[in-house]
């Protein structure tokens, strides 16, 4: 069967966005890319600092509330609907809930063919990227580096610590059927 979605999971500043851009360049067919950052940016500003929405703590921790989870479920459903309609979809996500986050995706996917990709990066390297980016709360990379992978099952894993995004993308592309 043909891969309909590629879901990349990794902590903040692990290199997912760079891999996604490279995947779009190396895959022969057109793929649409969507990420959890654009989902958060699409939320009303009042939800971006609300216990019912999403809260970014000063130490880099992230917590989400009921309204966030409701909107996230609708977003996932929308991504799945586009894939069912024939679009090839790449998702750049951060599974804050580890295996529970993957299970929410699996429930929404309902039989779509997905390539699950874990993106890891040594915490100290991701933290350096975080500082260089300047658009993240310091500590997010370190706090998410391991927890996002807890109990998550992958078809493929890549490590961006010393491997360029293009090399990772080519490795992933070789597994797309």
N, C-alpha and C. Protein backbone atom coordinates (compact mmCIF):
# COMPACT_ATOMS: atom_id res chain seq x y z
N UNK A 1 0.84 -1.19 0.00
CA UNK A 1 0.00 0.00 0.00
C UNK A 1 0.88 1.25 0.00
N UNK A 2 0.34 2.31 -0.51
CA UNK A 2 1.07 3.56 -0.62
C UNK A 2 0.99 4.36 0.68
N UNK A 3 2.12 4.89 1.10
CA UNK A 3 2.17 5.72 2.30
C UNK A 3 1.34 6.99 2.06
N UNK A 4 0.42 7.26 2.97
CA UNK A 4 -0.44 8.43 2.85
C UNK A 4 -0.01 9.56 3.77
N UNK A 5 0.64 9.19 4.87
CA UNK A 5 1.11 10.21 5.82
C UNK A 5 2.47 9.79 6.37
N UNK A 6 3.28 10.79 6.67
CA UNK A 6 4.52 10.61 7.40
C UNK A 6 4.36 11.44 8.66
N UNK A 7 4.50 10.81 9.82
CA UNK A 7 4.39 11.54 11.08
C UNK A 7 5.74 11.51 11.76
N UNK A 8 6.34 12.70 11.89
CA UNK A 8 7.61 12.86 12.59
C UNK A 8 7.33 13.32 14.01
N UNK A 9 7.94 12.67 14.97
CA UNK A 9 7.82 13.05 16.37
C UNK A 9 9.20 13.28 16.94
N UNK A 10 9.36 14.41 17.61
CA UNK A 10 10.61 14.70 18.29
C UNK A 10 10.43 15.94 19.15
N UNK A 11 11.36 16.13 20.05
CA UNK A 11 11.30 17.28 20.94
C UNK A 11 11.59 18.58 20.21
N UNK A 12 11.36 19.66 20.91
CA UNK A 12 11.64 20.99 20.39
C UNK A 12 13.10 21.08 19.95
N UNK A 13 13.34 21.68 18.80
CA UNK A 13 14.68 21.94 18.27
C UNK A 13 15.44 20.66 17.92
N UNK A 14 14.71 19.57 17.71
CA UNK A 14 15.38 18.31 17.35
C UNK A 14 15.72 18.24 15.86
N UNK A 15 15.15 19.13 15.06
CA UNK A 15 15.45 19.14 13.64
C UNK A 15 14.32 18.70 12.73
N UNK A 16 13.13 18.55 13.27
CA UNK A 16 11.99 18.07 12.47
C UNK A 16 11.66 18.99 11.31
N UNK A 17 11.60 20.28 11.55
CA UNK A 17 11.20 21.22 10.50
C UNK A 17 12.17 21.20 9.33
N UNK A 18 13.44 21.12 9.60
CA UNK A 18 14.43 21.03 8.53
C UNK A 18 14.27 19.75 7.73
N UNK A 19 14.01 18.65 8.42
CA UNK A 19 13.78 17.37 7.73
C UNK A 19 12.55 17.47 6.85
N UNK A 20 11.49 18.09 7.35
CA UNK A 20 10.25 18.21 6.57
C UNK A 20 10.51 18.97 5.28
N UNK A 21 11.23 20.10 5.36
CA UNK A 21 11.53 20.87 4.14
C UNK A 21 12.33 20.03 3.15
N UNK A 22 13.28 19.28 3.66
CA UNK A 22 14.09 18.42 2.79
C UNK A 22 13.26 17.28 2.20
N UNK A 23 12.36 16.71 3.00
CA UNK A 23 11.48 15.66 2.48
C UNK A 23 10.66 16.18 1.30
N UNK A 24 10.13 17.38 1.44
CA UNK A 24 9.33 17.95 0.36
C UNK A 24 10.17 18.12 -0.90
N UNK A 25 11.47 18.34 -0.74
CA UNK A 25 12.36 18.50 -1.89
C UNK A 25 12.76 17.17 -2.52
N UNK A 26 12.91 16.13 -1.72
CA UNK A 26 13.44 14.87 -2.26
C UNK A 26 12.36 13.86 -2.64
N UNK A 27 11.18 13.94 -2.07
CA UNK A 27 10.13 13.01 -2.44
C UNK A 27 9.62 13.34 -3.84
N UNK A 28 9.40 12.33 -4.67
CA UNK A 28 9.02 12.60 -6.06
C UNK A 28 7.63 13.22 -6.22
N UNK A 29 6.72 12.89 -5.34
CA UNK A 29 5.36 13.43 -5.40
C UNK A 29 5.25 14.62 -4.46
N UNK A 30 4.27 15.50 -4.69
CA UNK A 30 4.08 16.63 -3.78
C UNK A 30 3.48 16.17 -2.44
N UNK A 31 4.05 16.66 -1.36
CA UNK A 31 3.58 16.37 -0.01
C UNK A 31 3.31 17.70 0.68
N UNK A 32 2.17 17.79 1.36
CA UNK A 32 1.85 18.97 2.17
C UNK A 32 2.41 18.76 3.57
N UNK A 33 2.91 19.82 4.18
CA UNK A 33 3.50 19.72 5.51
C UNK A 33 2.73 20.59 6.51
N UNK A 34 2.46 20.00 7.66
CA UNK A 34 1.78 20.70 8.73
C UNK A 34 2.45 20.34 10.05
N UNK A 35 2.53 21.31 10.94
CA UNK A 35 3.19 21.04 12.20
C UNK A 35 2.42 21.56 13.39
N UNK A 36 2.80 21.04 14.54
CA UNK A 36 2.14 21.46 15.77
C UNK A 36 2.39 22.95 16.05
N UNK A 37 3.52 23.50 15.59
CA UNK A 37 3.78 24.93 15.80
C UNK A 37 2.74 25.78 15.07
N UNK A 38 2.42 25.40 13.82
CA UNK A 38 1.42 26.18 13.09
C UNK A 38 0.03 26.00 13.70
N UNK A 39 -0.23 24.82 14.26
CA UNK A 39 -1.50 24.59 14.96
C UNK A 39 -1.60 25.53 16.17
N UNK A 40 -0.55 25.60 16.97
CA UNK A 40 -0.55 26.48 18.15
C UNK A 40 -0.68 27.94 17.71
N UNK A 41 0.03 28.31 16.65
CA UNK A 41 -0.05 29.69 16.15
C UNK A 41 -1.45 30.04 15.66
N UNK A 42 -2.21 29.05 15.20
CA UNK A 42 -3.56 29.30 14.68
C UNK A 42 -4.59 29.50 15.80
N UNK A 43 -4.23 29.13 17.01
CA UNK A 43 -5.15 29.29 18.13
C UNK A 43 -5.28 30.76 18.52
N UNK A 44 -6.42 31.14 19.09
CA UNK A 44 -6.55 32.51 19.58
C UNK A 44 -5.46 32.80 20.62
N UNK A 45 -4.97 34.01 20.62
CA UNK A 45 -3.89 34.40 21.53
C UNK A 45 -4.24 34.09 22.98
N UNK A 46 -5.49 34.26 23.36
CA UNK A 46 -5.88 34.02 24.75
C UNK A 46 -5.67 32.57 25.18
N UNK A 47 -5.65 31.65 24.20
CA UNK A 47 -5.44 30.23 24.53
C UNK A 47 -3.96 29.88 24.64
N UNK A 48 -3.08 30.79 24.21
CA UNK A 48 -1.66 30.51 24.22
C UNK A 48 -1.01 30.84 25.56
N UNK A 49 -1.81 31.17 26.52
CA UNK A 49 -1.31 31.40 27.88
C UNK A 49 -2.44 31.12 28.86
N UNK A 50 -3.17 30.03 28.62
CA UNK A 50 -4.35 29.70 29.42
C UNK A 50 -4.28 28.24 29.85
N UNK A 51 -4.72 27.97 31.06
CA UNK A 51 -4.73 26.59 31.56
C UNK A 51 -5.64 25.70 30.73
N UNK A 52 -6.63 26.27 30.06
CA UNK A 52 -7.50 25.49 29.18
C UNK A 52 -6.89 25.33 27.80
N UNK A 53 -5.92 26.17 27.46
CA UNK A 53 -5.23 26.11 26.18
C UNK A 53 -3.86 25.48 26.36
N UNK A 54 -2.83 26.28 26.17
CA UNK A 54 -1.46 25.80 26.30
C UNK A 54 -0.66 26.82 27.11
N UNK A 55 0.18 26.29 27.99
CA UNK A 55 1.01 27.14 28.83
C UNK A 55 2.46 26.71 28.67
N UNK A 56 3.32 27.69 28.38
CA UNK A 56 4.76 27.46 28.28
C UNK A 56 5.37 28.01 29.56
N UNK A 57 5.85 27.11 30.42
CA UNK A 57 6.42 27.51 31.70
C UNK A 57 7.81 28.11 31.51
N UNK A 58 8.23 28.90 32.47
CA UNK A 58 9.54 29.57 32.40
C UNK A 58 10.69 28.57 32.31
N UNK A 59 10.49 27.35 32.82
CA UNK A 59 11.57 26.34 32.79
C UNK A 59 11.55 25.49 31.52
N UNK A 60 10.64 25.82 30.58
CA UNK A 60 10.55 25.07 29.33
C UNK A 60 9.48 24.01 29.31
N UNK A 61 8.83 23.78 30.44
CA UNK A 61 7.75 22.81 30.48
C UNK A 61 6.54 23.31 29.70
N UNK A 62 5.76 22.39 29.19
CA UNK A 62 4.56 22.73 28.42
C UNK A 62 3.40 21.93 28.99
N UNK A 63 2.28 22.60 29.24
CA UNK A 63 1.09 21.89 29.67
C UNK A 63 -0.08 22.33 28.81
N UNK A 64 -1.01 21.40 28.59
CA UNK A 64 -2.17 21.69 27.76
C UNK A 64 -3.44 21.37 28.53
N UNK A 65 -4.50 22.10 28.17
CA UNK A 65 -5.78 21.92 28.84
C UNK A 65 -6.84 21.34 27.92
N UNK A 66 -8.06 21.30 28.42
CA UNK A 66 -9.17 20.64 27.72
C UNK A 66 -9.50 21.30 26.38
N UNK A 67 -9.51 22.63 26.32
CA UNK A 67 -9.82 23.30 25.06
C UNK A 67 -8.75 23.00 24.01
N UNK A 68 -7.50 22.96 24.43
CA UNK A 68 -6.41 22.62 23.51
C UNK A 68 -6.64 21.22 22.94
N UNK A 69 -6.93 20.25 23.82
CA UNK A 69 -7.11 18.87 23.38
C UNK A 69 -8.28 18.73 22.41
N UNK A 70 -9.34 19.49 22.63
CA UNK A 70 -10.50 19.46 21.74
C UNK A 70 -10.12 19.98 20.35
N UNK A 71 -9.43 21.12 20.31
CA UNK A 71 -9.01 21.68 19.03
C UNK A 71 -7.96 20.80 18.35
N UNK A 72 -7.07 20.21 19.14
CA UNK A 72 -6.05 19.33 18.57
C UNK A 72 -6.70 18.11 17.91
N UNK A 73 -7.73 17.57 18.53
CA UNK A 73 -8.44 16.43 17.94
C UNK A 73 -9.08 16.83 16.60
N UNK A 74 -9.64 18.02 16.54
CA UNK A 74 -10.22 18.50 15.29
C UNK A 74 -9.14 18.70 14.24
N UNK A 75 -7.99 19.23 14.64
CA UNK A 75 -6.86 19.43 13.72
C UNK A 75 -6.39 18.09 13.17
N UNK A 76 -6.23 17.10 14.04
CA UNK A 76 -5.84 15.76 13.58
C UNK A 76 -6.85 15.22 12.57
N UNK A 77 -8.13 15.38 12.91
CA UNK A 77 -9.19 14.92 12.00
C UNK A 77 -9.11 15.60 10.64
N UNK A 78 -8.78 16.88 10.64
CA UNK A 78 -8.62 17.61 9.38
C UNK A 78 -7.45 17.10 8.56
N UNK A 79 -6.35 16.80 9.23
CA UNK A 79 -5.18 16.25 8.53
C UNK A 79 -5.52 14.90 7.91
N UNK A 80 -6.22 14.07 8.67
CA UNK A 80 -6.61 12.75 8.18
C UNK A 80 -7.58 12.89 7.00
N UNK A 81 -8.51 13.84 7.09
CA UNK A 81 -9.47 14.05 6.00
C UNK A 81 -8.75 14.45 4.71
N UNK A 82 -7.74 15.29 4.82
CA UNK A 82 -6.98 15.66 3.62
C UNK A 82 -6.26 14.45 3.04
N UNK A 83 -5.70 13.61 3.89
CA UNK A 83 -5.02 12.40 3.39
C UNK A 83 -6.03 11.47 2.71
N UNK A 84 -7.20 11.33 3.30
CA UNK A 84 -8.24 10.49 2.70
C UNK A 84 -8.71 11.04 1.36
N UNK A 85 -8.62 12.37 1.21
CA UNK A 85 -9.04 13.02 -0.03
C UNK A 85 -7.94 12.95 -1.10
N UNK A 86 -6.79 12.37 -0.76
CA UNK A 86 -5.76 12.16 -1.76
C UNK A 86 -4.48 12.95 -1.58
N UNK A 87 -4.44 13.87 -0.62
CA UNK A 87 -3.21 14.63 -0.37
C UNK A 87 -2.23 13.77 0.43
N UNK A 88 -0.99 13.87 0.10
CA UNK A 88 0.06 13.23 0.91
C UNK A 88 0.45 14.24 1.97
N UNK A 89 0.50 13.79 3.22
CA UNK A 89 0.65 14.70 4.36
C UNK A 89 1.87 14.32 5.19
N UNK A 90 2.68 15.33 5.53
CA UNK A 90 3.78 15.17 6.49
C UNK A 90 3.40 15.96 7.73
N UNK A 91 3.46 15.30 8.88
CA UNK A 91 3.15 15.95 10.15
C UNK A 91 4.43 16.07 10.97
N UNK A 92 4.67 17.25 11.50
CA UNK A 92 5.79 17.56 12.39
C UNK A 92 5.16 17.78 13.76
N UNK A 93 5.34 16.81 14.67
CA UNK A 93 4.64 16.87 15.96
C UNK A 93 5.59 16.67 17.12
N UNK A 94 5.10 17.03 18.29
CA UNK A 94 5.81 16.83 19.55
C UNK A 94 4.85 16.07 20.46
N UNK A 95 5.12 14.78 20.69
CA UNK A 95 4.22 13.95 21.50
C UNK A 95 4.49 14.20 22.98
N UNK A 96 3.94 15.29 23.50
CA UNK A 96 4.15 15.63 24.91
C UNK A 96 3.68 14.50 25.82
N UNK A 97 2.68 13.74 25.36
CA UNK A 97 2.16 12.62 26.14
C UNK A 97 2.76 11.28 25.78
N UNK A 98 3.86 11.28 25.00
CA UNK A 98 4.50 10.03 24.62
C UNK A 98 3.53 9.11 23.91
N UNK A 99 3.42 7.86 24.40
CA UNK A 99 2.58 6.84 23.76
C UNK A 99 1.12 7.28 23.67
N UNK A 100 0.61 8.00 24.65
CA UNK A 100 -0.78 8.45 24.61
C UNK A 100 -1.02 9.39 23.43
N UNK A 101 -0.05 10.21 23.10
CA UNK A 101 -0.17 11.10 21.94
C UNK A 101 -0.23 10.28 20.65
N UNK A 102 0.62 9.26 20.55
CA UNK A 102 0.59 8.41 19.36
C UNK A 102 -0.75 7.68 19.26
N UNK A 103 -1.28 7.24 20.38
CA UNK A 103 -2.56 6.53 20.37
C UNK A 103 -3.69 7.43 19.89
N UNK A 104 -3.66 8.73 20.23
CA UNK A 104 -4.68 9.65 19.74
C UNK A 104 -4.59 9.76 18.22
N UNK A 105 -3.37 9.82 17.68
CA UNK A 105 -3.21 9.83 16.23
C UNK A 105 -3.74 8.52 15.63
N UNK A 106 -3.35 7.39 16.20
CA UNK A 106 -3.77 6.10 15.66
C UNK A 106 -5.29 5.99 15.60
N UNK A 107 -5.96 6.46 16.62
CA UNK A 107 -7.42 6.42 16.66
C UNK A 107 -8.00 7.26 15.52
N UNK A 108 -7.41 8.43 15.26
CA UNK A 108 -7.91 9.31 14.20
C UNK A 108 -7.60 8.76 12.81
N UNK A 109 -6.50 8.04 12.67
CA UNK A 109 -6.03 7.59 11.35
C UNK A 109 -6.93 6.55 10.72
N UNK A 110 -7.52 5.68 11.51
CA UNK A 110 -8.47 4.71 11.00
C UNK A 110 -8.03 3.95 9.77
N UNK A 111 -6.85 3.39 9.78
CA UNK A 111 -6.41 2.53 8.69
C UNK A 111 -5.57 3.19 7.62
N UNK A 112 -5.32 4.49 7.69
CA UNK A 112 -4.42 5.12 6.73
C UNK A 112 -3.03 4.52 6.87
N UNK A 113 -2.29 4.49 5.77
CA UNK A 113 -0.92 3.97 5.79
C UNK A 113 0.01 5.10 6.20
N UNK A 114 0.67 4.91 7.34
CA UNK A 114 1.50 5.95 7.95
C UNK A 114 2.91 5.42 8.15
N UNK A 115 3.89 6.27 7.90
CA UNK A 115 5.27 6.00 8.26
C UNK A 115 5.56 6.81 9.51
N UNK A 116 5.80 6.11 10.63
CA UNK A 116 6.07 6.74 11.92
C UNK A 116 7.57 6.93 12.05
N UNK A 117 8.00 8.18 12.25
CA UNK A 117 9.43 8.50 12.31
C UNK A 117 9.74 9.21 13.62
N UNK A 118 10.69 8.66 14.36
CA UNK A 118 11.19 9.30 15.57
C UNK A 118 12.40 10.14 15.21
N UNK A 119 12.39 11.40 15.64
CA UNK A 119 13.51 12.30 15.40
C UNK A 119 14.13 12.64 16.75
N UNK A 120 15.37 12.22 16.92
CA UNK A 120 16.05 12.51 18.19
C UNK A 120 17.28 13.36 17.95
N UNK A 121 17.73 13.96 19.03
CA UNK A 121 18.92 14.80 19.01
C UNK A 121 19.42 14.88 20.45
N UNK A 122 20.73 14.78 20.62
CA UNK A 122 21.27 14.89 21.98
C UNK A 122 20.79 16.19 22.60
N UNK A 123 20.42 16.11 23.85
CA UNK A 123 19.82 17.23 24.57
C UNK A 123 20.68 18.50 24.50
N UNK A 124 21.98 18.36 24.67
CA UNK A 124 22.85 19.54 24.69
C UNK A 124 22.88 20.21 23.31
N UNK A 125 22.84 19.43 22.24
CA UNK A 125 22.82 19.98 20.88
C UNK A 125 21.49 20.68 20.62
N UNK A 126 20.38 20.03 20.99
CA UNK A 126 19.06 20.64 20.80
C UNK A 126 18.94 21.93 21.61
N UNK A 127 19.52 21.94 22.81
CA UNK A 127 19.48 23.15 23.64
C UNK A 127 20.25 24.28 22.97
N UNK A 128 21.36 23.96 22.34
CA UNK A 128 22.12 24.98 21.61
C UNK A 128 21.32 25.53 20.44
N UNK A 129 20.62 24.68 19.74
CA UNK A 129 19.76 25.12 18.63
C UNK A 129 18.64 26.01 19.15
N UNK A 130 18.11 25.63 20.30
CA UNK A 130 17.03 26.39 20.92
C UNK A 130 17.47 27.83 21.19
N UNK A 131 18.67 27.99 21.73
CA UNK A 131 19.20 29.33 22.02
C UNK A 131 19.40 30.09 20.71
N UNK A 132 19.95 29.42 19.70
CA UNK A 132 20.21 30.07 18.42
C UNK A 132 18.92 30.51 17.73
N UNK A 133 17.84 29.74 17.90
CA UNK A 133 16.56 30.08 17.27
C UNK A 133 15.99 31.36 17.85
N UNK A 134 16.06 31.47 19.14
CA UNK A 134 15.55 32.66 19.80
C UNK A 134 14.04 32.74 19.92
N UNK A 135 13.31 31.73 19.46
CA UNK A 135 11.84 31.78 19.53
C UNK A 135 11.26 30.71 20.43
N UNK A 136 12.08 30.15 21.29
CA UNK A 136 11.64 29.10 22.21
C UNK A 136 12.00 29.49 23.64
N UNK A 137 11.21 29.00 24.57
CA UNK A 137 11.52 29.16 25.99
C UNK A 137 12.72 28.25 26.28
N UNK A 138 13.73 28.81 26.91
CA UNK A 138 14.90 28.01 27.24
C UNK A 138 14.51 26.86 28.17
N UNK A 139 14.94 25.67 27.81
CA UNK A 139 14.63 24.48 28.60
C UNK A 139 13.66 23.54 27.92
N UNK A 140 12.97 24.03 26.88
CA UNK A 140 12.01 23.16 26.18
C UNK A 140 12.71 21.96 25.56
N UNK A 141 13.82 22.20 24.88
CA UNK A 141 14.52 21.11 24.19
C UNK A 141 14.95 20.04 25.18
N UNK A 142 15.53 20.45 26.29
CA UNK A 142 16.00 19.48 27.29
C UNK A 142 14.82 18.74 27.92
N UNK A 143 13.74 19.45 28.22
CA UNK A 143 12.61 18.81 28.90
C UNK A 143 11.86 17.85 27.99
N UNK A 144 11.93 18.06 26.68
CA UNK A 144 11.17 17.22 25.75
C UNK A 144 12.00 16.12 25.09
N UNK A 145 13.31 16.22 25.14
CA UNK A 145 14.19 15.34 24.36
C UNK A 145 13.85 13.86 24.51
N UNK A 146 13.57 13.42 25.71
CA UNK A 146 13.30 11.99 25.95
C UNK A 146 11.82 11.68 26.13
N UNK A 147 11.10 12.55 26.82
CA UNK A 147 9.71 12.25 27.18
C UNK A 147 8.82 12.06 25.96
N UNK A 148 9.11 12.74 24.86
CA UNK A 148 8.25 12.62 23.67
C UNK A 148 8.35 11.24 23.03
N UNK A 149 9.40 10.50 23.36
CA UNK A 149 9.59 9.17 22.76
C UNK A 149 9.14 8.03 23.69
N UNK A 150 8.74 8.35 24.94
CA UNK A 150 8.36 7.32 25.90
C UNK A 150 7.21 6.46 25.40
N UNK A 151 7.50 5.19 25.14
CA UNK A 151 6.47 4.24 24.73
C UNK A 151 6.00 4.37 23.29
N UNK A 152 6.61 5.25 22.50
CA UNK A 152 6.19 5.45 21.12
C UNK A 152 6.88 4.42 20.23
N UNK A 153 6.12 3.83 19.33
CA UNK A 153 6.65 2.83 18.40
C UNK A 153 6.84 3.47 17.03
N UNK A 154 8.02 3.25 16.45
CA UNK A 154 8.37 3.86 15.18
C UNK A 154 8.67 2.80 14.12
N UNK A 155 8.47 3.21 12.86
CA UNK A 155 8.93 2.40 11.74
C UNK A 155 10.40 2.70 11.46
N UNK A 156 10.81 3.91 11.83
CA UNK A 156 12.14 4.39 11.51
C UNK A 156 12.53 5.48 12.50
N UNK A 157 13.80 5.52 12.87
CA UNK A 157 14.30 6.58 13.74
C UNK A 157 15.52 7.22 13.11
N UNK A 158 15.61 8.55 13.23
CA UNK A 158 16.77 9.28 12.76
C UNK A 158 17.27 10.15 13.91
N UNK A 159 18.58 10.42 13.90
CA UNK A 159 19.19 11.23 14.94
C UNK A 159 19.90 12.40 14.25
N UNK A 160 19.50 13.61 14.58
CA UNK A 160 20.03 14.80 13.93
C UNK A 160 21.22 15.39 14.66
N UNK A 161 21.69 14.72 15.71
CA UNK A 161 22.81 15.27 16.48
C UNK A 161 23.99 15.58 15.57
N UNK A 162 24.34 14.63 14.73
CA UNK A 162 25.49 14.80 13.84
C UNK A 162 25.14 14.51 12.38
N UNK A 163 23.85 14.36 12.09
CA UNK A 163 23.42 14.03 10.74
C UNK A 163 22.57 15.18 10.20
N UNK A 164 22.90 15.65 9.02
CA UNK A 164 22.19 16.77 8.40
C UNK A 164 20.75 16.38 8.03
N UNK A 165 19.90 17.39 7.98
CA UNK A 165 18.48 17.18 7.65
C UNK A 165 18.30 16.47 6.32
N UNK A 166 19.09 16.83 5.32
CA UNK A 166 18.94 16.22 4.00
C UNK A 166 19.24 14.73 4.03
N UNK A 167 20.25 14.33 4.77
CA UNK A 167 20.59 12.91 4.90
C UNK A 167 19.45 12.18 5.60
N UNK A 168 18.92 12.77 6.66
CA UNK A 168 17.78 12.17 7.36
C UNK A 168 16.59 12.05 6.42
N UNK A 169 16.32 13.10 5.65
CA UNK A 169 15.18 13.09 4.73
C UNK A 169 15.34 11.99 3.68
N UNK A 170 16.53 11.82 3.17
CA UNK A 170 16.76 10.77 2.17
C UNK A 170 16.55 9.39 2.78
N UNK A 171 16.97 9.22 4.04
CA UNK A 171 16.75 7.95 4.74
C UNK A 171 15.25 7.69 4.88
N UNK A 172 14.51 8.69 5.26
CA UNK A 172 13.06 8.56 5.42
C UNK A 172 12.41 8.28 4.07
N UNK A 173 12.79 9.04 3.06
CA UNK A 173 12.21 8.89 1.72
C UNK A 173 12.39 7.47 1.19
N UNK A 174 13.50 6.84 1.53
CA UNK A 174 13.76 5.47 1.09
C UNK A 174 12.76 4.48 1.70
N UNK A 175 12.09 4.87 2.77
CA UNK A 175 11.11 4.00 3.43
C UNK A 175 9.67 4.31 3.05
N UNK A 176 9.47 5.33 2.22
CA UNK A 176 8.12 5.68 1.78
C UNK A 176 7.74 4.77 0.63
N UNK A 177 6.60 4.10 0.78
CA UNK A 177 6.17 3.16 -0.26
C UNK A 177 5.15 3.79 -1.19
